[in-house]
Protein backbone atom coordinates (compact mmCIF):
# COMPACT_ATOMS: atom_id res chain seq x y z
CA MET A 1 11.19 -31.44 4.52
CA LYS A 2 8.19 -34.06 5.07
CA LYS A 3 8.97 -33.80 8.72
CA ARG A 4 8.86 -29.98 8.86
CA PHE A 5 5.63 -30.08 6.83
CA ILE A 6 3.87 -32.55 9.22
CA THR A 7 5.21 -30.84 12.60
CA ASN A 8 4.23 -27.30 11.34
CA LEU A 9 1.07 -28.25 9.90
CA ALA A 10 0.04 -29.89 13.16
CA LEU A 11 0.96 -26.61 15.23
CA LEU A 12 -1.04 -24.49 12.56
CA ILE A 13 -4.00 -26.64 12.61
CA PHE A 14 -3.91 -26.71 16.39
CA LEU A 15 -3.67 -23.08 16.97
CA ASN A 16 -6.48 -22.32 14.23
CA LEU A 17 -8.92 -25.02 15.51
CA LEU A 18 -8.45 -23.33 19.09
CA ILE A 19 -9.29 -19.75 17.75
CA LYS A 20 -10.91 -19.49 14.40
CA PRO A 21 -13.95 -21.91 14.70
CA PHE A 22 -15.11 -19.52 17.63
CA TRP A 23 -14.25 -16.50 15.38
CA PHE A 24 -16.41 -17.80 12.72
CA PHE A 25 -19.09 -19.57 14.45
CA GLY A 26 -19.24 -17.24 17.76
CA ILE A 27 -18.15 -13.81 16.81
CA GLU A 28 -19.36 -13.70 13.20
CA VAL A 29 -22.55 -15.47 13.61
CA GLY A 30 -23.20 -13.66 16.86
CA VAL A 31 -22.72 -10.23 14.89
CA GLN A 32 -24.98 -11.30 12.23
CA ASN A 33 -27.82 -12.59 14.56
CA ARG A 34 -27.47 -9.25 16.49
CA VAL A 35 -27.51 -6.83 13.46
CA GLY A 36 -29.87 -9.00 11.31
CA GLU A 37 -29.46 -10.09 7.51
CA GLU A 38 -29.91 -6.76 5.86
CA MET A 39 -27.41 -4.70 7.91
CA TYR A 40 -24.86 -7.61 7.96
CA GLY A 41 -25.27 -7.76 4.28
CA PHE A 42 -24.66 -4.05 4.00
CA TYR A 43 -21.27 -4.73 5.71
CA PHE A 44 -20.57 -7.90 3.83
CA SER A 45 -20.94 -6.63 0.40
CA LEU A 46 -18.65 -3.53 1.13
CA PHE A 47 -15.98 -5.71 2.78
CA ASN A 48 -15.77 -7.88 -0.26
CA PHE A 49 -15.73 -4.92 -2.54
CA ALA A 50 -12.85 -3.64 -0.66
CA PHE A 51 -11.25 -7.17 -0.34
CA ILE A 52 -11.41 -7.65 -4.08
CA LEU A 53 -9.44 -4.53 -4.92
CA ASN A 54 -6.79 -5.04 -2.17
CA ILE A 55 -4.51 -6.64 -4.80
CA LEU A 56 -3.50 -3.00 -5.65
CA LEU A 57 -2.04 -3.02 -1.89
CA ASP A 58 -0.07 -5.99 -2.71
CA MET A 59 0.57 -6.30 -6.54
CA GLY A 60 1.66 -9.88 -6.02
CA ILE A 61 4.46 -8.63 -3.76
CA ASN A 62 3.69 -11.15 -0.89
CA ASN A 63 3.63 -14.45 -3.04
CA PHE A 64 6.85 -13.21 -4.81
CA ASN A 65 8.61 -12.14 -1.55
CA ASN A 66 7.64 -15.42 0.07
CA ARG A 67 8.94 -17.52 -2.56
CA ALA A 68 12.02 -15.40 -3.10
CA ILE A 69 13.03 -15.20 0.64
CA ALA A 70 12.46 -19.21 0.97
CA ARG A 71 15.04 -19.67 -1.86
CA ASP A 72 17.50 -16.90 -0.57
CA HIS A 73 17.25 -15.57 3.11
CA ASN A 74 20.12 -13.04 2.35
CA LEU A 75 17.51 -11.01 0.16
CA LEU A 76 15.77 -10.09 3.16
CA ARG A 77 17.07 -6.70 3.98
CA ASP A 78 17.23 -5.50 0.56
CA HIS A 79 13.58 -6.66 -0.17
CA LEU A 80 12.51 -4.93 3.04
CA ALA A 81 14.06 -1.65 2.04
CA ALA A 82 12.55 -1.94 -1.48
CA ILE A 83 9.08 -3.17 -0.55
CA ILE A 84 8.02 -1.06 2.57
CA PRO A 85 8.05 2.24 0.46
CA LEU A 86 6.57 0.64 -2.40
CA LYS A 87 3.64 -0.87 -0.34
CA LEU A 88 3.02 2.57 1.22
CA SER A 89 2.69 4.11 -2.19
CA LEU A 90 0.44 1.51 -3.46
CA SER A 91 -1.88 2.00 -0.37
CA LEU A 92 -2.53 5.52 -1.69
CA VAL A 93 -3.35 4.04 -5.19
CA TYR A 94 -5.59 1.37 -3.68
CA ALA A 95 -7.51 3.85 -1.56
CA GLY A 96 -7.82 6.25 -4.60
CA VAL A 97 -9.25 3.21 -6.81
CA VAL A 98 -11.69 1.95 -4.20
CA PHE A 99 -13.33 5.22 -3.75
CA ILE A 100 -13.70 6.30 -7.41
CA SER A 101 -14.94 2.67 -8.11
CA GLY A 102 -17.45 3.18 -5.52
CA LYS A 103 -18.59 6.59 -6.78
CA ILE A 104 -18.90 4.90 -10.18
CA ILE A 105 -21.12 2.14 -9.13
CA GLY A 106 -23.33 4.45 -6.94
CA TYR A 107 -22.40 3.85 -3.16
CA SER A 108 -24.19 6.22 -0.85
CA SER A 109 -22.63 8.35 1.90
CA GLU A 110 -23.41 5.90 4.51
CA GLN A 111 -21.67 3.20 2.51
CA PHE A 112 -18.62 5.41 1.95
CA ALA A 113 -18.50 6.11 5.76
CA MET A 114 -17.88 2.38 6.43
CA LEU A 115 -15.77 1.85 3.39
CA TRP A 116 -13.13 4.46 4.89
CA MET A 117 -12.65 1.99 7.82
CA LEU A 118 -12.63 -1.16 5.67
CA VAL A 119 -10.12 0.28 3.38
CA LEU A 120 -7.74 1.07 6.58
CA ASN A 121 -8.26 -2.56 7.88
CA GLN A 122 -7.30 -3.95 4.11
CA PHE A 123 -4.28 -1.79 4.55
CA LEU A 124 -3.21 -3.16 7.94
CA ALA A 125 -3.95 -6.58 6.93
CA SER A 126 -1.85 -6.38 3.86
CA PHE A 127 1.15 -5.46 5.83
CA ILE A 128 0.61 -7.95 8.32
CA ILE A 129 0.51 -10.61 5.53
CA TYR A 130 3.81 -9.04 3.94
CA PHE A 131 5.67 -9.16 7.25
CA ARG A 132 4.61 -13.01 7.75
CA THR A 133 5.77 -13.85 4.21
CA ASN A 134 9.30 -12.80 5.50
CA ILE A 135 8.99 -15.08 8.51
CA SER A 136 7.62 -17.95 6.80
CA GLY A 137 10.15 -17.56 4.05
CA LEU A 138 13.05 -17.63 6.62
CA GLN A 139 11.49 -21.04 7.67
CA TYR A 140 10.25 -19.74 11.16
CA PHE A 141 7.09 -21.52 10.64
CA ARG A 142 6.09 -21.77 14.39
CA THR A 143 6.35 -18.01 14.88
CA ASP A 144 4.15 -17.47 11.73
CA SER A 145 1.67 -19.90 13.09
CA LEU A 146 1.29 -18.05 16.24
CA LEU A 147 1.01 -14.70 14.20
CA SER A 148 -1.52 -16.35 11.99
CA VAL A 149 -4.16 -16.61 14.83
CA MET A 150 -3.14 -13.38 16.84
CA ASP A 151 -5.45 -10.88 15.13
CA ARG A 152 -8.42 -13.27 15.35
CA THR A 153 -7.72 -13.85 19.03
CA LEU A 154 -7.92 -10.06 19.57
CA MET A 155 -10.80 -9.62 17.52
CA ILE A 156 -12.69 -12.42 19.56
CA LEU A 157 -11.69 -10.55 22.65
CA PHE A 158 -12.76 -6.96 21.75
CA THR A 159 -15.90 -7.95 19.78
CA GLY A 160 -16.95 -10.52 22.42
CA LEU A 161 -16.77 -7.69 25.02
CA LEU A 162 -19.14 -5.56 22.76
CA LEU A 163 -21.45 -8.35 22.06
CA TRP A 164 -21.53 -9.83 25.42
CA GLY A 165 -19.70 -7.86 28.04
CA ASN A 166 -22.70 -5.34 29.14
CA ILE A 167 -20.00 -2.34 28.69
CA THR A 168 -22.51 -0.23 26.73
CA ARG A 169 -26.19 0.43 26.88
CA GLU A 170 -26.65 1.09 23.24
CA PRO A 171 -27.60 -1.82 20.76
CA PHE A 172 -24.62 -3.38 19.02
CA GLN A 173 -23.54 -1.63 15.92
CA ILE A 174 -22.06 -3.05 12.73
CA GLU A 175 -19.75 -0.11 12.89
CA TRP A 176 -18.24 -1.57 16.31
CA PHE A 177 -17.37 -4.92 14.64
CA VAL A 178 -15.23 -2.83 12.14
CA TYR A 179 -13.54 -0.79 14.83
CA ALA A 180 -12.81 -4.00 16.65
CA GLN A 181 -11.01 -5.29 13.49
CA THR A 182 -9.01 -2.16 13.30
CA ALA A 183 -7.65 -2.32 16.73
CA SER A 184 -6.91 -5.99 16.42
CA TYR A 185 -5.13 -5.45 13.07
CA SER A 186 -2.81 -2.67 14.41
CA LEU A 187 -1.73 -4.55 17.49
CA THR A 188 -0.71 -7.61 15.21
CA LEU A 189 0.97 -5.59 12.62
CA ILE A 190 3.23 -3.90 15.47
CA THR A 191 4.01 -7.30 16.68
CA SER A 192 4.91 -8.80 13.21
CA ALA A 193 7.03 -5.68 12.20
CA LEU A 194 9.11 -5.70 15.50
CA ILE A 195 9.72 -9.46 14.89
CA VAL A 196 10.87 -8.85 11.38
CA ARG A 197 12.96 -6.02 12.41
CA TYR A 198 14.72 -8.28 14.96
CA ARG A 199 15.46 -10.88 12.29
CA SER A 200 16.79 -8.30 9.61
CA GLY A 201 18.59 -5.69 11.58
CA SER A 202 18.40 -2.18 10.32
CA PHE A 203 17.01 -1.64 6.92
CA ILE A 204 15.57 1.87 6.81
CA SER A 205 18.72 3.52 5.89
CA HIS A 206 18.95 1.22 2.90
CA LEU A 207 15.67 2.26 1.40
CA ASN A 208 16.08 1.60 -2.53
CA LEU A 209 13.23 2.82 -4.77
CA GLY A 210 15.08 1.53 -7.88
CA HIS A 211 14.97 -1.74 -6.39
CA SER A 212 11.25 -1.19 -5.53
CA LEU A 213 10.39 -0.68 -9.44
CA LYS A 214 12.23 -3.88 -10.26
CA ILE A 215 10.29 -5.73 -7.64
CA ILE A 216 6.99 -4.50 -8.95
CA ARG A 217 8.00 -5.77 -12.50
CA LEU A 218 8.82 -9.15 -11.09
CA SER A 219 5.86 -9.42 -8.99
CA TYR A 220 2.98 -8.23 -11.36
CA PRO A 221 2.08 -11.60 -12.46
CA PHE A 222 1.24 -12.68 -8.87
CA ALA A 223 -0.85 -9.59 -8.58
CA LEU A 224 -2.79 -10.43 -11.60
CA LEU A 225 -3.45 -13.90 -10.51
CA ILE A 226 -4.62 -12.89 -6.87
CA LEU A 227 -6.91 -10.04 -8.49
CA LEU A 228 -8.55 -12.71 -10.97
CA MET A 229 -8.86 -15.27 -7.96
CA SER A 230 -10.33 -12.48 -5.62
CA LEU A 231 -12.86 -11.63 -8.33
CA PHE A 232 -14.42 -15.20 -8.85
CA ASN A 233 -14.25 -15.90 -5.12
CA ARG A 234 -15.77 -12.41 -3.82
CA VAL A 235 -17.61 -10.91 -6.57
CA ASP A 236 -20.88 -12.73 -5.84
CA SER A 237 -21.92 -10.64 -2.81
CA VAL A 238 -20.98 -7.36 -4.55
CA MET A 239 -23.11 -8.40 -7.71
CA LEU A 240 -25.89 -9.54 -5.40
CA GLU A 241 -26.13 -6.18 -3.78
CA ARG A 242 -25.82 -4.27 -6.92
CA LEU A 243 -28.11 -6.31 -9.15
CA LEU A 244 -31.31 -6.91 -6.97
CA GLU A 245 -33.70 -4.54 -5.42
CA ASN A 246 -33.35 -6.45 -2.09
CA GLY A 247 -29.55 -6.88 -2.61
CA LYS A 248 -28.44 -6.11 0.94
CA GLU A 249 -30.65 -8.66 2.43
CA GLU A 250 -29.74 -11.31 -0.34
CA ALA A 251 -25.97 -10.53 0.33
CA GLY A 252 -26.76 -11.19 3.90
CA ILE A 253 -28.36 -14.64 3.18
CA TYR A 254 -25.57 -15.65 1.06
CA ALA A 255 -23.20 -14.40 3.88
CA GLN A 256 -24.68 -16.91 6.33
CA SER A 257 -23.45 -19.89 4.08
CA PHE A 258 -20.32 -18.19 2.79
CA ARG A 259 -18.96 -17.59 6.27
CA ILE A 260 -18.78 -21.50 6.76
CA PHE A 261 -17.24 -22.07 3.27
CA ASP A 262 -14.60 -19.26 4.05
CA ALA A 263 -13.94 -20.78 7.62
CA ALA A 264 -13.31 -24.17 5.97
CA SER A 265 -11.19 -22.69 3.28
CA GLN A 266 -9.04 -20.86 5.86
CA PHE A 267 -7.84 -24.46 6.89
CA SER A 268 -7.10 -25.34 3.36
CA LEU A 269 -5.14 -21.97 3.12
CA LEU A 270 -2.84 -23.32 5.83
CA PHE A 271 -1.73 -26.11 3.59
CA ALA A 272 -0.96 -23.67 0.88
CA MET A 273 1.01 -21.45 3.30
CA LEU A 274 3.34 -24.14 4.28
CA LEU A 275 3.52 -25.71 0.78
CA LEU A 276 4.34 -22.47 -1.04
CA PRO A 277 7.75 -21.94 0.60
CA MET A 278 8.41 -25.65 0.54
CA PHE A 279 7.72 -26.36 -2.95
CA SER A 280 9.73 -23.37 -3.92
CA LYS A 281 12.85 -24.59 -1.94
CA MET A 282 12.37 -28.45 -3.43
CA LEU A 283 11.94 -27.11 -6.88
CA GLN A 284 15.02 -25.05 -6.71
CA LEU A 285 17.13 -28.04 -5.46
CA LYS A 286 15.31 -30.06 -8.20
CA GLN A 287 13.94 -32.51 -5.59
CA ALA A 288 10.83 -34.59 -6.28
CA VAL A 289 7.84 -32.67 -5.10
CA ASN A 290 5.34 -35.48 -5.63
CA GLU A 291 6.18 -37.09 -2.10
CA LEU A 292 4.91 -33.88 -0.43
CA VAL A 293 1.73 -33.92 -2.77
CA ARG A 294 1.21 -37.37 -1.63
CA ILE A 295 1.00 -36.44 2.05
CA ALA A 296 -1.03 -33.15 1.47
CA LEU A 297 -3.54 -34.44 -1.04
CA PRO A 298 -5.34 -37.41 0.92
CA LEU A 299 -5.32 -35.28 4.06
CA LEU A 300 -7.05 -32.22 2.32
CA MET A 301 -9.33 -34.37 0.22
CA VAL A 302 -10.51 -36.57 3.26
CA ALA A 303 -11.30 -33.30 4.87
CA GLY A 304 -12.91 -31.78 1.99
CA LEU A 305 -15.13 -34.94 1.16
CA SER A 306 -15.96 -35.39 4.84
CA LEU A 307 -17.25 -31.76 5.12
CA ALA A 308 -19.01 -31.78 1.87
CA ILE A 309 -20.91 -35.13 2.59
CA SER A 310 -21.82 -34.03 6.31
CA SER A 311 -22.87 -30.62 5.42
CA ASN A 312 -25.24 -31.70 2.49
CA TYR A 313 -26.88 -34.47 4.62
CA TYR A 314 -27.38 -32.21 7.54
CA LYS A 315 -27.50 -28.64 5.71
CA GLN A 316 -30.85 -27.74 7.36
CA GLU A 317 -30.18 -28.60 10.83
CA ILE A 318 -26.79 -26.81 10.68
CA ILE A 319 -28.40 -23.61 9.18
CA ASP A 320 -31.11 -23.96 12.12
CA LEU A 321 -28.62 -24.35 14.85
CA LEU A 322 -26.39 -21.33 13.76
CA TYR A 323 -28.99 -18.54 12.80
CA THR A 324 -32.05 -17.23 14.60
CA SER A 325 -33.55 -16.44 11.23
CA HIS A 326 -32.92 -17.23 7.67
CA ALA A 327 -34.37 -17.72 4.31
CA PRO A 328 -36.06 -20.95 3.27
CA TYR A 329 -33.43 -21.56 0.65
CA SER A 330 -30.54 -20.88 2.83
CA ALA A 331 -29.61 -24.38 3.50
CA ARG A 332 -29.65 -25.19 -0.29
CA ILE A 333 -27.15 -22.46 -0.65
CA PHE A 334 -24.95 -23.85 2.16
CA GLY A 335 -24.95 -27.25 0.65
CA ILE A 336 -23.91 -26.01 -2.84
CA LEU A 337 -21.01 -23.95 -1.34
CA MET A 338 -19.67 -26.80 0.66
CA ILE A 339 -19.25 -28.89 -2.23
CA GLY A 340 -17.34 -26.09 -3.78
CA PHE A 341 -14.96 -26.30 -0.89
CA LEU A 342 -13.61 -29.70 -2.13
CA PHE A 343 -12.47 -27.94 -5.29
CA VAL A 344 -11.00 -25.14 -3.34
CA SER A 345 -8.84 -27.76 -1.44
CA THR A 346 -7.72 -29.22 -4.73
CA SER A 347 -6.82 -25.65 -5.89
CA TYR A 348 -4.79 -25.08 -2.73
CA ILE A 349 -2.43 -27.91 -3.60
CA TYR A 350 -2.02 -27.71 -7.39
CA GLY A 351 -2.39 -23.98 -7.57
CA THR A 352 0.51 -23.68 -5.00
CA LEU A 353 2.66 -26.10 -6.80
CA LEU A 354 2.20 -24.28 -10.05
CA THR A 355 2.97 -20.84 -8.53
CA ALA A 356 6.09 -22.22 -6.84
CA ASN A 357 7.07 -23.40 -10.14
CA ASN A 358 6.59 -19.98 -11.55
CA ASN A 359 3.74 -20.90 -14.14
CA LEU A 360 2.11 -17.68 -13.65
CA ARG A 361 1.19 -17.14 -17.25
CA GLN A 362 -0.63 -20.23 -17.65
CA LEU A 363 -2.40 -19.67 -14.20
CA ASN A 364 -3.34 -15.99 -15.12
CA ILE A 365 -4.95 -17.27 -18.51
CA LEU A 366 -6.84 -20.07 -16.55
CA ALA A 367 -7.98 -17.68 -13.84
CA ALA A 368 -9.25 -14.72 -16.50
CA THR A 369 -11.44 -17.61 -18.28
CA ILE A 370 -12.82 -18.71 -14.91
CA VAL A 371 -13.65 -15.00 -14.08
CA VAL A 372 -15.55 -14.51 -17.42
CA ILE A 373 -17.33 -17.61 -16.71
CA ASN A 374 -18.22 -16.55 -13.04
CA VAL A 375 -19.37 -13.14 -13.87
CA THR A 376 -21.50 -14.35 -16.96
CA LEU A 377 -23.11 -16.98 -14.75
CA ASN A 378 -23.82 -14.44 -11.92
CA LEU A 379 -25.59 -12.14 -14.52
CA ILE A 380 -27.68 -14.90 -15.57
CA LEU A 381 -28.64 -16.47 -12.42
CA ILE A 382 -28.65 -13.94 -9.76
CA PRO A 383 -31.51 -12.27 -11.27
CA ARG A 384 -33.47 -15.42 -11.53
CA TYR A 385 -32.37 -17.39 -8.54
CA GLN A 386 -30.89 -14.59 -6.23
CA ALA A 387 -28.52 -15.73 -3.63
CA TYR A 388 -28.95 -19.37 -4.75
CA GLY A 389 -27.90 -18.51 -8.31
CA ALA A 390 -24.68 -16.99 -6.98
CA ALA A 391 -24.02 -20.22 -4.98
CA ILE A 392 -24.43 -22.32 -8.20
CA SER A 393 -21.93 -20.03 -10.21
CA SER A 394 -19.57 -20.23 -7.45
CA LEU A 395 -19.60 -24.04 -7.51
CA ILE A 396 -19.13 -24.25 -11.36
CA SER A 397 -16.23 -21.77 -11.34
CA GLN A 398 -14.36 -23.56 -8.38
CA GLY A 399 -14.88 -26.86 -10.02
CA LEU A 400 -13.51 -25.91 -13.37
CA TYR A 401 -10.58 -24.02 -11.81
CA ALA A 402 -9.50 -27.02 -9.76
CA ILE A 403 -9.94 -29.56 -12.33
CA LEU A 404 -7.91 -27.37 -14.97
CA GLN A 405 -5.09 -26.78 -12.35
CA LEU A 406 -4.71 -30.38 -11.91
CA ALA A 407 -4.36 -30.85 -15.62
CA LEU A 408 -1.84 -28.04 -15.72
CA SER A 409 0.31 -29.71 -12.91
CA ILE A 410 0.27 -33.04 -14.84
CA ARG A 411 1.18 -31.60 -18.06
CA LEU A 412 3.86 -28.76 -17.09
CA LEU A 413 5.34 -30.43 -13.81
CA LYS A 414 5.13 -34.00 -14.94
CA ILE A 415 3.04 -34.63 -11.64
CA PRO A 416 1.63 -38.23 -11.73
CA LEU A 417 -2.21 -38.28 -11.14
CA ASN A 418 -1.84 -40.48 -8.16
CA GLY A 419 -4.36 -42.97 -9.43
CA ASP A 420 -4.11 -45.00 -6.37
CA ILE A 421 -5.16 -42.12 -4.25
CA MET A 422 -7.85 -40.98 -6.47
CA LEU A 423 -9.17 -44.63 -6.37
CA LYS A 424 -9.12 -44.57 -2.57
CA LEU A 425 -10.92 -41.30 -2.31
CA SER A 426 -13.54 -42.64 -4.68
CA GLY A 427 -14.23 -45.68 -2.39
CA PHE A 428 -14.16 -43.10 0.66
CA LEU A 429 -16.83 -41.11 -1.10
CA VAL A 430 -19.23 -44.15 -1.95
CA ILE A 431 -18.78 -45.53 1.63
CA ASN A 432 -19.88 -42.36 3.41
CA LEU A 433 -22.56 -41.54 0.92
CA ILE A 434 -24.17 -44.86 1.93
CA VAL A 435 -23.50 -44.13 5.50
CA GLY A 436 -24.82 -40.66 5.48
CA TYR A 437 -28.04 -41.83 4.07
CA LEU A 438 -28.38 -44.46 6.62
CA SER A 439 -27.44 -42.00 9.47
CA LEU A 440 -30.65 -40.01 8.60
CA LEU A 441 -32.82 -43.10 9.94
CA ILE A 442 -31.12 -42.43 13.42
CA PRO A 443 -33.45 -40.52 15.81
CA GLY A 444 -32.39 -37.07 16.45
CA TRP A 445 -29.96 -35.41 13.96
CA ILE A 446 -26.76 -34.94 16.36
CA PRO A 447 -26.23 -38.59 16.90
CA GLY A 448 -26.54 -39.23 13.16
CA PHE A 449 -24.14 -36.40 12.25
CA PHE A 450 -21.43 -37.65 14.69
CA VAL A 451 -22.17 -41.30 13.27
CA LEU A 452 -21.20 -39.94 9.82
CA LEU A 453 -18.08 -38.00 11.05
CA ALA A 454 -16.96 -41.30 12.64
CA SER A 455 -17.41 -43.23 9.54
CA CYS A 456 -15.32 -40.54 7.76
CA LEU A 457 -12.51 -41.08 10.07
CA ALA A 458 -12.64 -44.75 10.26
CA SER A 459 -13.10 -45.35 6.54
CA SER A 460 -10.13 -42.78 5.87
CA LEU A 461 -7.92 -45.09 8.26
CA PHE A 462 -9.29 -48.28 6.74
CA LEU A 463 -8.57 -47.17 3.08
CA GLY A 464 -5.02 -45.88 4.06
CA LEU A 465 -5.78 -42.46 3.00
CA VAL A 466 -4.74 -41.37 6.66
CA LYS A 467 -1.64 -43.09 7.71
CA PRO A 468 -0.72 -42.54 11.38
CA SER A 469 2.03 -44.90 11.54
CA GLU A 470 3.60 -43.17 8.47
CA LEU A 471 3.18 -39.76 9.97
CA ILE A 472 4.87 -40.99 13.04
CA ALA A 473 7.71 -42.46 11.01
CA ILE A 474 8.02 -39.11 9.37
CA LEU A 475 8.18 -37.27 12.74
CA LYS A 476 10.91 -39.63 13.96
CA GLU A 477 13.28 -39.03 10.81
CA GLU A 478 16.42 -37.16 11.73
């Protein structure tokens, strides 16, 4: 299992490093620079509003299905027959709730016009993820890895042509960005559906509505957890847009830094996508999971600490490099959010482990508590500090969530703290805080930035947090 984790993680990281940085820092940044902070904030707040409610498209089915198929491949056909009609029904519920909620909070006709397309995109994305849970549950991780970047690859192609291809005389419109997503999701959905159809054989003739209701009963704890996590991860921009007179502009300012935070989080998510079916299988077979934790934990923490340290020492320079215009406090928002990324990385290990062990009741209680804390902090801090206040509330929420998940894992699963790794990580932090300070003395920020990154790599090897020889030995195992 360790060998499968390392080989498939390497493929996932390679493909995502190939595609997603250009998506986030080329396409998304290019779109925001082209349309401006206010118009991008208009899109960003609506996107997050639709994203928060998209749990109604899923109801926890994706996580439930991934865990179930990983444990028993023979469930594939029955689950497809039950889940496909269920998700189609849920799409109508989702659309209704989104538009009614939008009406209640006072969205304009212009906002509703875009919301229609964003709802469609969430529907397409939800089905892509569902089909991918079947593929990864069957342990076809390489196929899933390729699908994980297909939609973004197509979006880069379509949006890039609209941004820089000179195929239209009109100025770039934010709506074109949404349409490019629709086309990309549609093609990816067709591809993933055909792959699952090939692996499962015919299932349409076995449609089973009774089994659909059984699955919804079993999966609703997953749904509640995802909804709660979406709330404290995504509600910030919605509250900024609604609470402030210049809310669209502040949401756009927040989006500048959140984009980088989200891009980094996508790489941590790759670990969770691999770990969930693996943890599920290992727990079913009563195998010790801490060996896998000890591989994933230092890799994620080294990446998280490196990014948090370098982003805070060079936050102003990075924001200046990416954006043609930004608020004076944009760099401070960026620094705060990137510290939060460290806690997100921790959550993707221990939260995934607790999910695989079906400790959903405890996770839901914890997540609900964090939502209350996050919304309360936003109500207090956003009117006073605007987007910077939203960043502070996000950091506090992510930190509490990660620490309490670690405590739950230790108590419920008897996972050791792995104190030797924690001690090495503390040493890594101290070394690179000092190197980061000294790197500021180097003329020009780019050489100093790369010196700091080199120090992070060298110290991770020196302290034994990353062990190439161990990874090679695992790859050679039969």
